[in-house]
N, C-alpha and C. Protein backbone atom coordinates (compact mmCIF):
# COMPACT_ATOMS: atom_id res chain seq x y z
N MET A 1 -25.53 74.05 49.05
CA MET A 1 -25.93 73.31 47.83
C MET A 1 -25.99 71.97 48.01
N SER A 2 -26.99 71.95 47.18
CA SER A 2 -27.60 70.26 47.34
C SER A 2 -27.13 69.73 45.79
N GLU A 3 -27.04 68.19 46.48
CA GLU A 3 -26.51 67.55 45.14
C GLU A 3 -27.70 66.66 44.50
N THR A 4 -27.61 66.41 43.55
CA THR A 4 -28.50 65.96 42.51
C THR A 4 -28.17 64.55 42.29
N ASN A 5 -28.84 63.74 42.38
CA ASN A 5 -28.20 62.52 42.01
C ASN A 5 -28.95 62.28 40.45
N GLU A 6 -27.97 62.03 39.52
CA GLU A 6 -28.09 61.62 38.16
C GLU A 6 -28.65 60.80 37.48
N HIS A 7 -28.05 59.42 38.18
CA HIS A 7 -28.61 58.33 37.94
C HIS A 7 -29.24 57.98 39.03
N PRO A 8 -30.68 57.07 38.18
CA PRO A 8 -31.85 56.79 38.81
C PRO A 8 -31.23 55.21 40.23
N THR A 9 -32.37 55.62 40.76
CA THR A 9 -31.69 54.69 42.01
C THR A 9 -32.28 53.19 42.11
N GLY A 10 -31.60 51.91 42.23
CA GLY A 10 -32.32 50.81 41.98
C GLY A 10 -32.12 50.33 40.31
N LYS A 11 -32.60 49.05 39.53
CA LYS A 11 -32.25 48.47 38.69
C LYS A 11 -33.36 48.35 37.75
N GLY A 12 -34.37 49.21 38.47
CA GLY A 12 -35.70 49.37 37.42
C GLY A 12 -36.59 47.99 37.82
N ARG A 13 -36.20 46.90 38.16
CA ARG A 13 -37.19 45.65 38.48
C ARG A 13 -37.04 44.99 38.95
N PRO A 14 -37.81 44.50 40.00
CA PRO A 14 -37.68 43.89 41.01
C PRO A 14 -36.72 42.38 41.10
N THR A 15 -35.99 42.24 42.44
CA THR A 15 -35.63 41.34 42.36
C THR A 15 -36.08 40.07 42.44
N PRO A 16 -35.33 38.92 41.35
CA PRO A 16 -36.14 37.65 41.43
C PRO A 16 -36.08 36.67 42.49
N PRO A 17 -36.97 35.92 42.71
CA PRO A 17 -36.99 35.37 44.34
C PRO A 17 -35.82 34.37 43.76
N ARG A 18 -35.46 33.61 44.77
CA ARG A 18 -34.49 32.70 44.91
C ARG A 18 -34.22 31.60 43.77
N LYS A 19 -35.32 30.94 44.26
CA LYS A 19 -36.01 29.79 43.45
C LYS A 19 -35.70 29.98 41.80
N GLN A 20 -36.04 31.35 41.30
CA GLN A 20 -36.05 31.84 39.89
C GLN A 20 -34.38 31.77 39.70
N GLN A 21 -33.84 32.62 40.14
CA GLN A 21 -32.34 33.03 40.22
C GLN A 21 -31.50 31.11 39.73
N GLU A 22 -31.93 30.54 40.56
CA GLU A 22 -31.16 29.09 40.81
C GLU A 22 -31.62 28.28 39.77
N GLN A 23 -32.71 28.46 39.10
CA GLN A 23 -33.70 27.74 38.07
C GLN A 23 -32.94 28.47 36.69
N ALA A 24 -32.63 29.63 36.83
CA ALA A 24 -32.10 30.34 35.65
C ALA A 24 -30.14 29.78 35.32
N ARG A 25 -30.02 29.54 36.60
CA ARG A 25 -28.34 29.39 36.63
C ARG A 25 -28.26 27.62 36.56
N LYS A 26 -29.32 27.21 36.70
CA LYS A 26 -29.08 25.72 36.37
C LYS A 26 -28.48 24.63 35.34
N LYS A 27 -27.46 24.19 34.92
CA LYS A 27 -27.08 23.72 33.66
C LYS A 27 -26.71 22.12 33.65
N PRO A 28 -26.94 21.30 32.66
CA PRO A 28 -26.75 20.11 33.16
C PRO A 28 -25.24 19.76 33.47
N LEU A 29 -24.76 18.68 34.08
CA LEU A 29 -23.42 18.62 34.00
C LEU A 29 -22.58 18.00 33.14
N VAL A 30 -23.57 16.87 32.35
CA VAL A 30 -22.85 15.91 31.42
C VAL A 30 -23.53 16.32 30.44
N GLY A 31 -24.54 17.28 29.72
CA GLY A 31 -25.34 17.28 28.79
C GLY A 31 -26.28 16.17 28.74
N ASN A 32 -27.10 16.33 27.59
CA ASN A 32 -28.25 15.33 27.51
C ASN A 32 -27.89 13.78 28.05
N ARG A 33 -28.47 13.50 28.75
CA ARG A 33 -28.76 12.12 29.58
C ARG A 33 -29.60 11.19 28.99
N SER A 34 -30.19 11.36 27.98
CA SER A 34 -31.63 10.68 27.82
C SER A 34 -30.96 9.26 26.84
N LYS A 35 -31.72 8.14 27.02
CA LYS A 35 -31.59 6.91 26.22
C LYS A 35 -31.13 7.39 24.72
N GLU A 36 -31.86 8.02 23.97
CA GLU A 36 -31.55 8.63 22.44
C GLU A 36 -30.56 8.99 22.32
N ALA A 37 -29.64 10.25 23.09
CA ALA A 37 -29.06 10.92 23.29
C ALA A 37 -27.48 10.10 23.60
N LYS A 38 -27.82 9.18 24.61
CA LYS A 38 -26.87 8.54 24.60
C LYS A 38 -26.34 7.58 23.59
N ALA A 39 -27.45 7.03 23.19
CA ALA A 39 -27.05 5.91 21.89
C ALA A 39 -26.44 6.60 20.64
N GLN A 40 -26.98 7.73 20.33
CA GLN A 40 -26.83 8.75 19.48
C GLN A 40 -25.28 9.02 19.34
N GLN A 41 -24.58 9.31 20.70
CA GLN A 41 -23.44 9.79 21.12
C GLN A 41 -22.33 8.76 20.66
N LYS A 42 -22.94 7.22 21.37
CA LYS A 42 -21.99 6.20 21.29
C LYS A 42 -22.04 5.66 19.68
N ASP A 43 -23.25 6.02 19.15
CA ASP A 43 -22.88 5.69 17.31
C ASP A 43 -21.95 6.80 16.78
N LYS A 44 -21.67 7.67 17.46
CA LYS A 44 -20.98 8.59 16.72
C LYS A 44 -19.50 8.85 16.88
N LEU A 45 -19.35 8.21 18.15
CA LEU A 45 -17.61 7.60 18.47
C LEU A 45 -17.33 6.35 17.89
N ARG A 46 -18.32 5.62 17.59
CA ARG A 46 -18.19 4.57 16.84
C ARG A 46 -17.64 4.70 15.77
N GLU A 47 -18.21 5.69 14.80
CA GLU A 47 -18.24 5.96 13.51
C GLU A 47 -16.77 7.02 13.48
N GLU A 48 -16.56 7.30 14.37
CA GLU A 48 -14.95 8.28 14.62
C GLU A 48 -14.09 7.35 14.33
N ARG A 49 -13.94 6.40 15.58
CA ARG A 49 -13.16 5.32 16.07
C ARG A 49 -13.32 4.21 14.44
N GLN A 50 -14.06 4.07 13.76
CA GLN A 50 -13.98 3.74 12.52
C GLN A 50 -12.89 4.16 11.38
N LYS A 51 -12.83 5.63 11.46
CA LYS A 51 -13.20 6.12 10.49
C LYS A 51 -11.56 6.40 10.40
N ALA A 52 -10.89 6.70 11.85
CA ALA A 52 -9.57 6.95 12.46
C ALA A 52 -8.87 5.57 12.02
N ARG A 53 -9.66 4.48 12.38
CA ARG A 53 -8.56 2.89 12.36
C ARG A 53 -8.75 2.57 10.51
N ASP A 54 -9.69 3.21 9.85
CA ASP A 54 -9.50 2.67 8.25
C ASP A 54 -8.42 3.60 7.81
N GLY A 55 -8.40 4.84 8.32
CA GLY A 55 -7.70 5.80 8.06
C GLY A 55 -5.72 5.22 8.67
N MET A 56 -5.89 4.88 9.86
CA MET A 56 -4.43 4.18 10.01
C MET A 56 -4.09 3.00 9.47
N MET A 57 -5.22 2.15 9.47
CA MET A 57 -4.60 0.94 8.44
C MET A 57 -4.35 1.24 7.17
N ALA A 58 -4.85 2.29 6.37
CA ALA A 58 -4.35 3.04 5.24
C ALA A 58 -3.15 3.37 5.00
N GLY A 59 -2.62 4.02 5.88
CA GLY A 59 -1.47 4.34 6.30
C GLY A 59 -1.49 6.24 6.25
N ASP A 60 -3.03 6.56 6.62
CA ASP A 60 -3.41 8.00 5.86
C ASP A 60 -2.32 8.89 7.41
N GLU A 61 -1.65 9.94 6.80
CA GLU A 61 -0.80 10.52 8.08
C GLU A 61 -1.59 10.87 9.03
N ARG A 62 -3.04 11.82 8.60
CA ARG A 62 -3.70 12.29 9.46
C ARG A 62 -4.03 11.49 10.90
N PHE A 63 -4.18 10.30 10.35
CA PHE A 63 -4.64 9.04 11.51
C PHE A 63 -3.75 8.37 12.07
N LEU A 64 -2.58 8.74 11.68
CA LEU A 64 -1.25 7.73 12.17
C LEU A 64 -0.74 8.39 13.96
N THR A 65 -0.31 7.39 14.42
CA THR A 65 0.06 7.56 15.42
C THR A 65 1.44 8.53 15.19
N VAL A 66 1.99 9.10 16.13
CA VAL A 66 3.00 10.70 16.49
C VAL A 66 4.27 9.34 16.37
N ARG A 67 4.71 7.75 16.40
CA ARG A 67 5.67 7.29 16.56
C ARG A 67 5.65 6.71 14.95
N ASP A 68 4.18 6.84 14.00
CA ASP A 68 4.51 6.28 12.63
C ASP A 68 4.19 7.48 11.50
N LYS A 69 4.27 8.33 12.41
CA LYS A 69 4.48 9.64 11.27
C LYS A 69 5.68 10.00 10.67
N GLY A 70 5.21 10.77 9.57
CA GLY A 70 6.69 11.43 8.45
C GLY A 70 7.06 10.45 7.66
N PRO A 71 7.76 10.93 6.65
CA PRO A 71 8.20 10.39 5.19
C PRO A 71 9.09 9.05 5.75
N GLN A 72 9.87 9.80 6.38
CA GLN A 72 10.77 8.49 6.97
C GLN A 72 10.36 7.70 7.38
N ARG A 73 9.58 7.46 8.19
CA ARG A 73 8.90 6.37 9.07
C ARG A 73 8.06 5.94 7.70
N ARG A 74 7.53 6.03 6.84
CA ARG A 74 6.83 5.61 5.89
C ARG A 74 7.99 4.85 4.75
N LEU A 75 9.43 5.64 4.39
CA LEU A 75 10.21 4.75 3.84
C LEU A 75 10.48 3.53 4.89
N ALA A 76 10.58 3.70 5.73
CA ALA A 76 11.39 2.51 7.10
C ALA A 76 10.05 1.45 6.84
N ARG A 77 9.00 1.66 7.11
CA ARG A 77 7.87 0.80 6.67
C ARG A 77 8.04 -0.07 5.26
N ASP A 78 8.20 0.64 4.27
CA ASP A 78 8.13 0.20 3.37
C ASP A 78 9.81 -0.67 2.65
N VAL A 79 10.32 -0.19 3.24
CA VAL A 79 11.82 -0.84 3.31
C VAL A 79 11.28 -2.39 3.98
N VAL A 80 11.18 -2.23 5.40
CA VAL A 80 10.26 -3.70 5.82
C VAL A 80 9.82 -4.51 5.04
N ASP A 81 8.49 -4.05 4.70
CA ASP A 81 7.52 -4.65 4.09
C ASP A 81 8.05 -5.24 2.56
N ALA A 82 8.62 -4.79 2.10
CA ALA A 82 9.33 -5.02 0.67
C ALA A 82 10.18 -6.28 0.86
N ARG A 83 10.22 -7.17 2.17
CA ARG A 83 10.96 -7.82 1.96
C ARG A 83 10.48 -8.88 2.86
N PHE A 84 11.30 -10.51 3.10
CA PHE A 84 10.66 -11.05 3.98
C PHE A 84 11.77 -11.67 5.14
N THR A 85 11.22 -11.14 6.29
CA THR A 85 11.73 -11.22 7.32
C THR A 85 11.63 -12.33 8.61
N ALA A 86 12.79 -12.64 8.99
CA ALA A 86 12.76 -14.02 9.92
C ALA A 86 11.71 -13.69 10.90
N GLY A 87 11.42 -12.41 11.42
CA GLY A 87 10.44 -12.05 12.58
C GLY A 87 9.40 -12.92 12.16
N GLU A 88 8.96 -12.62 10.90
CA GLU A 88 7.32 -13.55 10.29
C GLU A 88 7.25 -15.06 10.93
N LEU A 89 8.72 -15.14 11.46
CA LEU A 89 8.35 -16.90 11.20
C LEU A 89 8.02 -16.98 12.74
N VAL A 90 8.45 -16.21 13.67
CA VAL A 90 8.75 -16.78 14.81
C VAL A 90 7.36 -17.03 15.50
N LEU A 91 6.10 -16.54 15.39
CA LEU A 91 5.03 -16.95 16.15
C LEU A 91 4.66 -18.79 15.16
N PRO A 92 4.59 -18.74 14.56
CA PRO A 92 3.91 -20.46 13.93
C PRO A 92 5.15 -21.26 14.38
N LEU A 93 6.30 -20.72 14.18
CA LEU A 93 7.51 -21.58 14.82
C LEU A 93 7.35 -21.77 16.45
N LEU A 94 6.75 -21.27 16.80
CA LEU A 94 7.02 -20.93 19.03
C LEU A 94 5.58 -22.19 19.22
N PHE A 95 4.88 -21.75 18.05
CA PHE A 95 3.74 -22.66 18.24
C PHE A 95 4.03 -23.99 18.30
N VAL A 96 4.56 -24.27 17.07
CA VAL A 96 5.20 -25.62 16.96
C VAL A 96 6.30 -26.25 17.97
N VAL A 97 7.02 -25.26 18.43
CA VAL A 97 7.70 -25.56 19.73
C VAL A 97 7.13 -26.29 21.25
N VAL A 98 5.85 -25.57 20.99
CA VAL A 98 4.85 -25.52 22.22
C VAL A 98 4.20 -27.23 21.92
N LEU A 99 3.97 -27.39 20.53
CA LEU A 99 3.49 -28.32 20.13
C LEU A 99 4.37 -29.93 20.68
N THR A 100 5.78 -29.54 20.39
CA THR A 100 6.80 -30.78 20.67
C THR A 100 6.70 -30.85 22.10
N THR A 101 6.89 -30.11 23.02
CA THR A 101 6.55 -30.06 24.48
C THR A 101 5.78 -31.42 24.99
N PHE A 102 4.53 -31.24 24.10
CA PHE A 102 3.55 -32.64 24.55
C PHE A 102 4.05 -33.95 24.14
N ILE A 103 5.39 -34.30 23.13
CA ILE A 103 5.85 -35.43 22.94
C ILE A 103 6.60 -36.04 23.84
N ASP A 104 6.83 -36.78 24.64
CA ASP A 104 7.54 -37.63 25.50
C ASP A 104 8.85 -38.20 25.45
N SER A 105 9.66 -37.27 24.38
CA SER A 105 10.81 -37.64 24.02
C SER A 105 11.71 -36.16 24.49
N TYR A 106 12.92 -36.69 25.28
CA TYR A 106 13.53 -35.74 25.33
C TYR A 106 14.46 -34.89 25.07
N GLU A 107 15.05 -36.17 23.90
CA GLU A 107 15.70 -35.70 22.30
C GLU A 107 15.09 -34.80 21.79
N ILE A 108 13.76 -34.91 21.58
CA ILE A 108 12.98 -33.93 20.48
C ILE A 108 12.64 -32.70 21.42
N GLN A 109 12.64 -32.70 22.33
CA GLN A 109 12.09 -31.63 23.39
C GLN A 109 13.46 -30.66 23.67
N LEU A 110 14.79 -31.21 23.77
CA LEU A 110 15.49 -30.29 23.64
C LEU A 110 16.12 -29.99 22.71
N PHE A 111 15.93 -30.50 20.93
CA PHE A 111 16.36 -30.29 19.81
C PHE A 111 15.45 -29.09 19.39
N SER A 112 14.03 -28.99 20.07
CA SER A 112 12.92 -27.52 20.11
C SER A 112 13.57 -27.03 20.50
N LEU A 113 13.86 -27.11 21.78
CA LEU A 113 14.20 -25.95 22.66
C LEU A 113 15.62 -24.95 21.99
N PHE A 114 16.80 -25.97 21.49
CA PHE A 114 17.60 -25.33 20.72
C PHE A 114 17.66 -24.45 19.47
N ALA A 115 16.09 -25.22 18.80
CA ALA A 115 15.43 -24.47 17.61
C ALA A 115 14.98 -23.56 17.94
N MET A 116 14.35 -23.24 19.09
CA MET A 116 13.87 -21.86 19.52
C MET A 116 14.55 -21.04 19.63
N TRP A 117 15.86 -21.13 20.40
CA TRP A 117 16.88 -20.26 20.65
C TRP A 117 17.38 -19.65 19.75
N GLY A 118 17.89 -20.90 18.53
CA GLY A 118 18.30 -20.31 17.24
C GLY A 118 17.48 -19.29 15.80
N ILE A 119 16.43 -19.26 16.46
CA ILE A 119 15.62 -18.63 15.79
C ILE A 119 15.11 -17.64 16.41
N PHE A 120 15.26 -17.42 17.73
CA PHE A 120 15.45 -15.87 18.63
C PHE A 120 17.14 -15.38 17.70
N GLY A 121 17.51 -15.78 17.58
CA GLY A 121 18.98 -15.38 17.34
C GLY A 121 19.24 -15.08 15.71
N MET A 122 18.41 -15.55 15.11
CA MET A 122 18.39 -15.88 13.73
C MET A 122 17.46 -14.60 13.78
N VAL A 123 16.27 -14.21 14.27
CA VAL A 123 15.65 -12.64 14.36
C VAL A 123 16.16 -11.68 14.87
N GLY A 124 16.79 -11.68 15.75
CA GLY A 124 18.04 -10.59 16.21
C GLY A 124 18.87 -10.00 15.06
N ILE A 125 19.71 -11.12 14.65
CA ILE A 125 20.46 -10.93 13.42
C ILE A 125 19.92 -10.10 12.20
N ASP A 126 18.26 -10.68 11.61
CA ASP A 126 17.90 -10.23 10.72
C ASP A 126 17.30 -8.85 11.16
N ALA A 127 16.35 -8.23 11.94
CA ALA A 127 16.11 -7.33 12.51
C ALA A 127 17.55 -6.39 12.72
N TYR A 128 18.52 -6.40 13.04
CA TYR A 128 19.75 -5.47 12.87
C TYR A 128 20.02 -5.33 11.38
N VAL A 129 20.13 -6.32 10.27
CA VAL A 129 20.49 -6.01 8.99
C VAL A 129 19.35 -5.39 8.67
N VAL A 130 18.02 -5.61 8.70
CA VAL A 130 17.08 -4.54 8.08
C VAL A 130 16.96 -3.26 8.77
N GLY A 131 17.15 -2.89 10.36
CA GLY A 131 17.36 -1.97 10.58
C GLY A 131 18.63 -1.14 9.91
N ARG A 132 19.37 -1.34 9.26
CA ARG A 132 20.74 -0.89 8.80
C ARG A 132 20.15 -0.78 7.34
N ALA A 133 19.71 -1.29 6.94
CA ALA A 133 19.09 -1.40 5.27
C ALA A 133 18.20 0.03 5.35
N ALA A 134 17.09 -0.09 6.47
CA ALA A 134 16.08 1.30 6.43
C ALA A 134 16.95 2.47 6.65
N LYS A 135 18.07 2.27 7.49
CA LYS A 135 19.06 3.56 7.82
C LYS A 135 19.97 3.91 6.52
N LYS A 136 20.42 2.35 6.00
CA LYS A 136 20.94 3.29 4.55
C LYS A 136 20.17 3.84 3.62
N LYS A 137 18.93 3.81 3.40
CA LYS A 137 17.91 3.96 2.45
C LYS A 137 17.54 5.50 2.46
N ILE A 138 17.30 5.69 3.60
CA ILE A 138 17.20 6.77 4.39
C ILE A 138 17.92 7.85 4.41
N LYS A 139 18.94 7.44 4.56
CA LYS A 139 20.15 8.20 4.70
C LYS A 139 20.35 9.09 2.91
N SER A 140 20.11 7.75 1.75
CA SER A 140 20.45 8.08 0.86
C SER A 140 19.11 9.17 0.11
N LYS A 141 18.24 8.68 0.50
CA LYS A 141 17.14 9.45 0.14
C LYS A 141 16.76 11.08 0.68
N PHE A 142 17.29 11.04 1.82
CA PHE A 142 16.99 12.38 2.98
C PHE A 142 18.23 13.10 3.17
N GLY A 143 19.39 12.61 2.89
CA GLY A 143 20.81 13.16 3.58
C GLY A 143 21.01 12.62 4.87
N GLU A 144 22.30 12.54 5.19
CA GLU A 144 22.71 12.05 6.36
C GLU A 144 22.25 13.28 7.48
N ASP A 145 22.30 14.22 7.20
CA ASP A 145 22.11 15.37 8.48
C ASP A 145 20.51 15.51 8.58
N LYS A 146 19.64 14.78 7.93
CA LYS A 146 18.14 15.00 7.91
C LYS A 146 17.94 13.60 8.98
N LEU A 147 18.74 12.66 9.13
CA LEU A 147 18.09 11.46 9.21
C LEU A 147 17.56 11.32 11.08
N GLU A 148 16.16 11.11 11.12
CA GLU A 148 15.25 10.78 12.32
C GLU A 148 16.20 9.72 13.32
N GLY A 149 15.91 10.28 14.42
CA GLY A 149 16.43 9.63 15.41
C GLY A 149 15.16 8.29 15.74
N GLY A 150 15.90 6.50 15.88
CA GLY A 150 15.33 5.64 16.14
C GLY A 150 14.94 4.75 14.73
N ILE A 151 15.41 5.08 13.76
CA ILE A 151 14.86 4.66 12.43
C ILE A 151 15.25 3.31 12.51
N ALA A 152 16.08 2.85 12.62
CA ALA A 152 16.47 1.60 13.13
C ALA A 152 16.14 0.60 13.78
N TRP A 153 15.71 1.40 14.81
CA TRP A 153 15.04 0.24 16.19
C TRP A 153 13.45 0.10 15.66
N TYR A 154 12.47 1.19 14.92
CA TYR A 154 11.23 1.49 14.22
C TYR A 154 11.26 0.23 13.38
N SER A 155 12.68 0.42 12.31
CA SER A 155 12.22 -1.01 11.27
C SER A 155 12.67 -2.39 11.89
N ALA A 156 13.54 -2.13 12.48
CA ALA A 156 13.46 -3.79 13.53
C ALA A 156 12.37 -4.30 14.11
N MET A 157 11.94 -3.23 14.74
CA MET A 157 10.83 -3.82 15.70
C MET A 157 9.66 -4.15 14.71
N ARG A 158 9.39 -3.21 13.73
CA ARG A 158 8.54 -3.93 12.64
C ARG A 158 8.65 -5.07 11.50
N SER A 159 9.62 -5.45 11.15
CA SER A 159 10.18 -6.87 10.85
C SER A 159 10.35 -7.73 11.46
N ILE A 160 10.05 -7.80 13.06
CA ILE A 160 9.40 -9.24 13.84
C ILE A 160 8.19 -9.00 14.14
N GLN A 161 7.68 -8.02 13.60
CA GLN A 161 5.83 -8.73 13.10
C GLN A 161 5.38 -9.29 12.33
N MET A 162 4.42 -10.17 12.42
CA MET A 162 3.76 -10.87 11.35
C MET A 162 3.78 -9.80 10.43
N ARG A 163 3.68 -10.03 9.07
CA ARG A 163 3.29 -9.09 7.65
C ARG A 163 1.53 -8.80 7.98
N SER A 164 0.89 -10.08 8.13
CA SER A 164 -0.47 -9.34 7.90
C SER A 164 -0.75 -8.97 9.30
N LEU A 165 -0.23 -8.79 10.41
CA LEU A 165 -0.37 -8.11 11.65
C LEU A 165 -0.40 -6.59 11.83
N ARG A 166 0.76 -6.55 11.01
CA ARG A 166 1.50 -5.05 11.12
C ARG A 166 0.35 -3.39 11.07
N ILE A 167 0.69 -2.86 11.41
CA ILE A 167 -0.06 -1.35 11.55
C ILE A 167 0.63 0.29 11.61
N PRO A 168 0.31 0.85 10.56
CA PRO A 168 -0.27 0.64 9.16
C PRO A 168 -0.31 -0.64 8.16
N LYS A 169 -0.74 -1.07 7.79
CA LYS A 169 -1.06 -2.18 6.53
C LYS A 169 0.30 -2.26 5.59
N PRO A 170 0.65 -3.12 5.16
CA PRO A 170 2.09 -2.59 4.10
C PRO A 170 1.48 -1.95 3.02
N GLN A 171 1.83 -1.21 2.64
CA GLN A 171 1.82 -0.31 1.25
C GLN A 171 2.65 -0.80 -0.31
N VAL A 172 3.36 -1.82 0.28
CA VAL A 172 4.20 -2.61 -1.08
C VAL A 172 3.89 -3.64 -1.41
N LYS A 173 4.60 -4.41 -2.05
CA LYS A 173 4.21 -5.52 -2.54
C LYS A 173 5.67 -6.31 -1.48
N ARG A 174 5.43 -7.75 -1.14
CA ARG A 174 6.88 -8.18 -0.80
C ARG A 174 7.30 -8.60 -2.23
N PHE A 175 9.00 -7.92 -1.82
CA PHE A 175 10.22 -8.57 -2.99
C PHE A 175 10.20 -7.14 -4.00
N THR A 176 9.55 -6.19 -3.12
CA THR A 176 9.80 -5.27 -4.36
C THR A 176 11.22 -4.47 -4.02
N ARG A 177 11.47 -3.86 -5.16
CA ARG A 177 13.19 -3.78 -5.33
C ARG A 177 13.21 -2.46 -4.43
N LEU A 178 14.30 -2.44 -3.69
CA LEU A 178 14.49 -0.95 -3.07
C LEU A 178 14.75 0.32 -3.88
N GLU A 179 15.07 -0.01 -4.96
CA GLU A 179 15.38 1.31 -5.82
C GLU A 179 14.18 1.89 -6.45
N ASP A 180 12.88 0.94 -6.50
CA ASP A 180 11.58 1.39 -6.74
C ASP A 180 11.28 2.25 -5.42
N LEU A 181 11.67 2.34 -4.32
CA LEU A 181 10.75 3.24 -3.64
C LEU A 181 11.27 4.04 -3.37
């Protein structure tokens, strides 16, 4: 019995030379590296970063960091931003303390040092009070069983920052009543 081959032998075309095969497989490792492509990519990234920054400053949830996302964090920010906090005075008063160290009077330097420590104590107490107030407001709105961890600390840390430097930017006016939030 003779066996017949039902499939034709070979692939029906000649094997391409190695040079052609390597050329066909070659792909750029990092994409288009021309000056125009680099400039275009740079502009695109700059626009994306600016859009994300503007969104974060405006308090848009899509652009916020994980630390700042969620309705409870938003309410905590509003509670902090609705009041004047002692932490907002730290940077300007520390500048004054540094200036007083140039005065050649031991009494004034000592007074400014104690004043600085008094400010730090006042900021600590105020941060604790703000944290408790935010926690209380969030408990009353969302329920005690749904309270996220770290809300008091988040509020306290935000209260220490100067209002103009806070990110996301304050969404409520200062001295807004807590009942209105």
